């Protein structure tokens, strides 16, 4: 026979492992970044100088898997929000022009 105390303790631990609900606005912001990356390559150029090291520079280029596979940025945004919140987006994404 199963004792009720260990069973209740086990159920309580399982409930504690349930994912917390995600704020829809935070999900929208995170998913906008992913949708922007699906619009095209991203990049950054750094140029500067310091008294210790002298001149320095750098270039970074990013390509997302969504961009490489030709996925629609709006579809990427919507799927991302639904995956994070379980609900449709609360607002349209703010993408690059």
N, C-alpha and C. Protein backbone atom coordinates (compact mmCIF):
# COMPACT_ATOMS: atom_id res chain seq x y z
N UNK A 1 0.84 -1.17 0.00
CA UNK A 1 0.00 0.00 0.00
C UNK A 1 0.89 1.24 0.00
N UNK A 2 0.50 2.24 -0.79
CA UNK A 2 1.26 3.49 -0.89
C UNK A 2 0.85 4.40 0.26
N UNK A 3 1.84 4.94 0.92
CA UNK A 3 1.56 5.85 2.03
C UNK A 3 1.26 7.24 1.47
N UNK A 4 0.27 7.95 2.02
CA UNK A 4 -0.14 9.22 1.45
C UNK A 4 0.90 10.33 1.59
N UNK A 5 1.71 10.33 2.64
CA UNK A 5 2.67 11.42 2.83
C UNK A 5 3.73 11.43 1.72
N UNK A 6 4.39 10.29 1.42
CA UNK A 6 5.37 10.32 0.33
C UNK A 6 4.73 10.64 -1.02
N UNK A 7 3.51 10.17 -1.23
CA UNK A 7 2.81 10.45 -2.49
C UNK A 7 2.55 11.95 -2.62
N UNK A 8 2.07 12.58 -1.57
CA UNK A 8 1.80 14.02 -1.61
C UNK A 8 3.10 14.81 -1.76
N UNK A 9 4.16 14.36 -1.09
CA UNK A 9 5.45 15.02 -1.22
C UNK A 9 5.95 14.94 -2.67
N UNK A 10 5.81 13.78 -3.26
CA UNK A 10 6.23 13.59 -4.66
C UNK A 10 5.43 14.45 -5.61
N UNK A 11 4.13 14.54 -5.40
CA UNK A 11 3.30 15.39 -6.24
C UNK A 11 3.65 16.86 -6.07
N UNK A 12 3.97 17.26 -4.85
CA UNK A 12 4.38 18.64 -4.59
C UNK A 12 5.68 18.99 -5.31
N UNK A 13 6.61 18.05 -5.33
CA UNK A 13 7.88 18.29 -6.03
C UNK A 13 7.67 18.40 -7.53
N UNK A 14 6.78 17.57 -8.08
CA UNK A 14 6.48 17.66 -9.50
C UNK A 14 5.84 19.00 -9.84
N UNK A 15 4.95 19.47 -9.00
CA UNK A 15 4.30 20.76 -9.24
C UNK A 15 5.31 21.89 -9.18
N UNK A 16 6.32 21.78 -8.34
CA UNK A 16 7.33 22.82 -8.22
C UNK A 16 8.20 22.89 -9.47
N UNK A 17 8.27 21.82 -10.24
CA UNK A 17 9.07 21.79 -11.46
C UNK A 17 8.34 22.35 -12.66
N UNK A 18 7.07 22.65 -12.53
CA UNK A 18 6.29 23.18 -13.65
C UNK A 18 6.87 24.54 -14.06
N UNK A 19 6.91 24.80 -15.37
CA UNK A 19 7.46 26.08 -15.82
C UNK A 19 6.58 27.24 -15.38
N UNK A 20 7.23 28.34 -15.03
CA UNK A 20 6.50 29.53 -14.64
C UNK A 20 5.96 30.22 -15.89
N UNK A 21 4.80 30.87 -15.79
CA UNK A 21 4.28 31.57 -16.95
C UNK A 21 5.21 32.72 -17.36
N UNK A 22 5.32 32.91 -18.65
CA UNK A 22 6.20 33.94 -19.19
C UNK A 22 5.37 35.21 -19.44
N UNK A 23 5.92 36.35 -19.05
CA UNK A 23 5.27 37.63 -19.29
C UNK A 23 5.15 37.84 -20.81
N UNK A 24 3.95 38.10 -21.33
CA UNK A 24 3.78 38.26 -22.78
C UNK A 24 4.64 39.36 -23.39
N UNK A 25 4.87 40.44 -22.66
CA UNK A 25 5.70 41.52 -23.20
C UNK A 25 7.17 41.09 -23.30
N UNK A 26 7.66 40.37 -22.30
CA UNK A 26 9.04 39.86 -22.37
C UNK A 26 9.19 38.85 -23.50
N UNK A 27 8.18 38.01 -23.69
CA UNK A 27 8.22 37.04 -24.78
C UNK A 27 8.25 37.79 -26.12
N UNK A 28 7.43 38.84 -26.24
CA UNK A 28 7.40 39.61 -27.49
C UNK A 28 8.77 40.22 -27.77
N UNK A 29 9.42 40.78 -26.76
CA UNK A 29 10.73 41.39 -26.95
C UNK A 29 11.77 40.37 -27.39
N UNK A 30 11.79 39.22 -26.71
CA UNK A 30 12.77 38.18 -27.06
C UNK A 30 12.50 37.63 -28.46
N UNK A 31 11.25 37.47 -28.80
CA UNK A 31 10.90 36.90 -30.10
C UNK A 31 11.12 37.91 -31.23
N UNK A 32 11.02 39.20 -30.92
CA UNK A 32 11.34 40.23 -31.92
C UNK A 32 12.80 40.12 -32.33
N UNK A 33 13.68 39.88 -31.38
CA UNK A 33 15.10 39.73 -31.70
C UNK A 33 15.30 38.57 -32.67
N UNK A 34 14.62 37.47 -32.40
CA UNK A 34 14.75 36.30 -33.27
C UNK A 34 14.17 36.59 -34.66
N UNK A 35 13.04 37.31 -34.71
CA UNK A 35 12.43 37.65 -35.99
C UNK A 35 13.30 38.63 -36.77
N UNK A 36 13.93 39.57 -36.09
CA UNK A 36 14.86 40.50 -36.76
C UNK A 36 16.03 39.75 -37.38
N UNK A 37 16.52 38.76 -36.65
CA UNK A 37 17.63 37.95 -37.18
C UNK A 37 17.19 37.16 -38.41
N UNK A 38 15.91 36.82 -38.50
CA UNK A 38 15.39 36.09 -39.66
C UNK A 38 15.24 37.01 -40.87
N UNK A 39 15.28 38.33 -40.67
CA UNK A 39 15.17 39.27 -41.78
C UNK A 39 16.43 39.33 -42.63
N UNK A 40 17.57 39.06 -42.05
CA UNK A 40 18.81 39.14 -42.81
C UNK A 40 20.00 39.08 -41.88
N UNK A 41 21.18 39.14 -42.47
CA UNK A 41 22.40 39.09 -41.65
C UNK A 41 22.44 40.27 -40.68
N UNK A 42 23.02 40.01 -39.52
CA UNK A 42 23.24 41.07 -38.54
C UNK A 42 24.74 41.27 -38.42
N UNK A 43 25.13 42.44 -37.97
CA UNK A 43 26.56 42.68 -37.87
C UNK A 43 26.90 43.83 -36.96
N UNK A 44 28.19 43.91 -36.69
CA UNK A 44 28.70 44.97 -35.81
C UNK A 44 30.16 45.20 -36.18
N UNK A 45 30.52 46.47 -36.18
CA UNK A 45 31.91 46.86 -36.42
C UNK A 45 32.37 47.66 -35.21
N UNK A 46 33.54 47.32 -34.70
CA UNK A 46 34.10 48.02 -33.55
C UNK A 46 35.45 48.60 -33.95
N UNK A 47 35.62 49.89 -33.70
CA UNK A 47 36.88 50.57 -33.97
C UNK A 47 37.16 51.48 -32.78
N UNK A 48 38.37 51.48 -32.30
CA UNK A 48 38.68 52.34 -31.17
C UNK A 48 40.17 52.39 -30.91
N UNK A 49 40.49 53.07 -29.85
CA UNK A 49 41.87 53.19 -29.43
C UNK A 49 41.91 53.29 -27.91
N UNK A 50 42.97 52.81 -27.34
CA UNK A 50 43.13 52.92 -25.89
C UNK A 50 44.58 53.30 -25.59
N UNK A 51 44.79 53.87 -24.43
CA UNK A 51 46.13 54.29 -24.07
C UNK A 51 47.05 53.11 -23.79
N UNK A 52 46.47 51.96 -23.43
CA UNK A 52 47.30 50.78 -23.13
C UNK A 52 47.61 49.94 -24.36
N UNK A 53 46.58 49.72 -25.20
CA UNK A 53 46.75 48.79 -26.32
C UNK A 53 46.89 49.46 -27.67
N UNK A 54 46.62 50.74 -27.77
CA UNK A 54 46.67 51.41 -29.06
C UNK A 54 45.36 51.18 -29.82
N UNK A 55 45.46 51.19 -31.13
CA UNK A 55 44.27 51.04 -31.98
C UNK A 55 43.80 49.58 -31.98
N UNK A 56 42.49 49.42 -32.08
CA UNK A 56 41.91 48.08 -32.19
C UNK A 56 40.67 48.15 -33.04
N UNK A 57 40.25 47.01 -33.53
CA UNK A 57 39.04 46.94 -34.35
C UNK A 57 38.54 45.51 -34.40
N UNK A 58 37.31 45.38 -34.82
CA UNK A 58 36.73 44.05 -34.93
C UNK A 58 35.46 44.08 -35.75
N UNK A 59 35.10 42.94 -36.31
CA UNK A 59 33.89 42.79 -37.11
C UNK A 59 33.21 41.51 -36.66
N UNK A 60 31.88 41.58 -36.51
CA UNK A 60 31.09 40.39 -36.18
C UNK A 60 29.90 40.32 -37.13
N UNK A 61 29.67 39.17 -37.71
CA UNK A 61 28.54 38.96 -38.62
C UNK A 61 27.75 37.77 -38.11
N UNK A 62 26.44 37.92 -38.06
CA UNK A 62 25.58 36.84 -37.59
C UNK A 62 24.57 36.43 -38.65
N UNK A 63 24.40 35.13 -38.80
CA UNK A 63 23.38 34.57 -39.69
C UNK A 63 22.54 33.59 -38.88
N UNK A 64 21.25 33.80 -38.85
CA UNK A 64 20.40 32.88 -38.09
C UNK A 64 19.96 31.72 -38.98
N UNK A 65 19.66 30.62 -38.35
CA UNK A 65 19.15 29.46 -39.08
C UNK A 65 17.83 29.78 -39.76
N UNK A 66 17.02 30.63 -39.14
CA UNK A 66 15.75 31.02 -39.74
C UNK A 66 15.98 31.79 -41.04
N UNK A 67 16.98 32.66 -41.06
CA UNK A 67 17.31 33.42 -42.28
C UNK A 67 17.83 32.47 -43.35
N UNK A 68 18.72 31.58 -42.98
CA UNK A 68 19.33 30.67 -43.95
C UNK A 68 18.31 29.74 -44.58
N UNK A 69 17.26 29.38 -43.84
CA UNK A 69 16.22 28.51 -44.40
C UNK A 69 15.10 29.29 -45.06
N UNK A 70 15.19 30.63 -45.05
CA UNK A 70 14.20 31.45 -45.75
C UNK A 70 12.86 31.58 -45.03
N UNK A 71 12.85 31.43 -43.71
CA UNK A 71 11.60 31.52 -42.97
C UNK A 71 11.11 32.96 -42.90
N UNK A 72 9.80 33.13 -42.93
CA UNK A 72 9.17 34.43 -42.83
C UNK A 72 9.35 34.97 -41.41
N UNK A 73 9.91 36.18 -41.25
CA UNK A 73 10.12 36.73 -39.92
C UNK A 73 8.84 36.84 -39.08
N UNK A 74 7.71 37.14 -39.71
CA UNK A 74 6.45 37.23 -38.97
C UNK A 74 6.03 35.86 -38.43
N UNK A 75 6.25 34.82 -39.22
CA UNK A 75 5.93 33.46 -38.76
C UNK A 75 6.88 33.05 -37.63
N UNK A 76 8.14 33.43 -37.74
CA UNK A 76 9.13 33.14 -36.69
C UNK A 76 8.69 33.79 -35.39
N UNK A 77 8.27 35.06 -35.47
CA UNK A 77 7.82 35.79 -34.28
C UNK A 77 6.61 35.11 -33.64
N UNK A 78 5.61 34.82 -34.45
CA UNK A 78 4.38 34.23 -33.90
C UNK A 78 4.64 32.86 -33.28
N UNK A 79 5.39 32.01 -33.96
CA UNK A 79 5.70 30.68 -33.42
C UNK A 79 6.48 30.78 -32.11
N UNK A 80 7.41 31.72 -32.05
CA UNK A 80 8.23 31.91 -30.86
C UNK A 80 7.37 32.34 -29.68
N UNK A 81 6.47 33.30 -29.88
CA UNK A 81 5.61 33.78 -28.79
C UNK A 81 4.70 32.66 -28.30
N UNK A 82 4.10 31.93 -29.22
CA UNK A 82 3.21 30.83 -28.83
C UNK A 82 3.98 29.77 -28.06
N UNK A 83 5.21 29.48 -28.49
CA UNK A 83 6.02 28.47 -27.79
C UNK A 83 6.37 28.92 -26.37
N UNK A 84 6.59 30.22 -26.18
CA UNK A 84 6.98 30.73 -24.86
C UNK A 84 5.80 30.95 -23.92
N UNK A 85 4.66 31.39 -24.47
CA UNK A 85 3.54 31.77 -23.61
C UNK A 85 2.34 30.84 -23.72
N UNK A 86 2.25 30.09 -24.81
CA UNK A 86 1.08 29.26 -25.03
C UNK A 86 -0.10 30.04 -25.57
N UNK A 87 0.11 31.30 -25.93
CA UNK A 87 -0.95 32.16 -26.44
C UNK A 87 -0.42 32.94 -27.64
N UNK A 88 -1.33 33.46 -28.47
CA UNK A 88 -0.86 34.27 -29.60
C UNK A 88 -0.23 35.57 -29.12
N UNK A 89 0.53 36.24 -29.99
CA UNK A 89 1.18 37.50 -29.61
C UNK A 89 0.16 38.56 -29.18
N UNK A 90 0.58 39.41 -28.23
CA UNK A 90 -0.29 40.49 -27.75
C UNK A 90 -0.18 41.72 -28.64
N UNK A 91 0.86 41.76 -29.49
CA UNK A 91 1.06 42.91 -30.39
C UNK A 91 1.90 42.46 -31.58
N UNK A 92 1.87 43.24 -32.67
CA UNK A 92 2.72 42.90 -33.81
C UNK A 92 4.18 43.17 -33.49
N UNK A 93 5.09 42.51 -34.19
CA UNK A 93 6.51 42.73 -33.90
C UNK A 93 6.99 44.06 -34.45
N UNK A 94 8.02 44.59 -33.82
CA UNK A 94 8.71 45.79 -34.32
C UNK A 94 9.99 45.32 -34.99
N UNK A 95 9.93 45.23 -36.31
CA UNK A 95 11.05 44.72 -37.09
C UNK A 95 11.80 45.85 -37.77
N UNK A 96 12.96 45.49 -38.37
CA UNK A 96 13.74 46.48 -39.13
C UNK A 96 12.97 46.86 -40.38
N UNK A 97 13.14 48.10 -40.82
CA UNK A 97 12.47 48.57 -42.05
C UNK A 97 13.13 48.02 -43.27
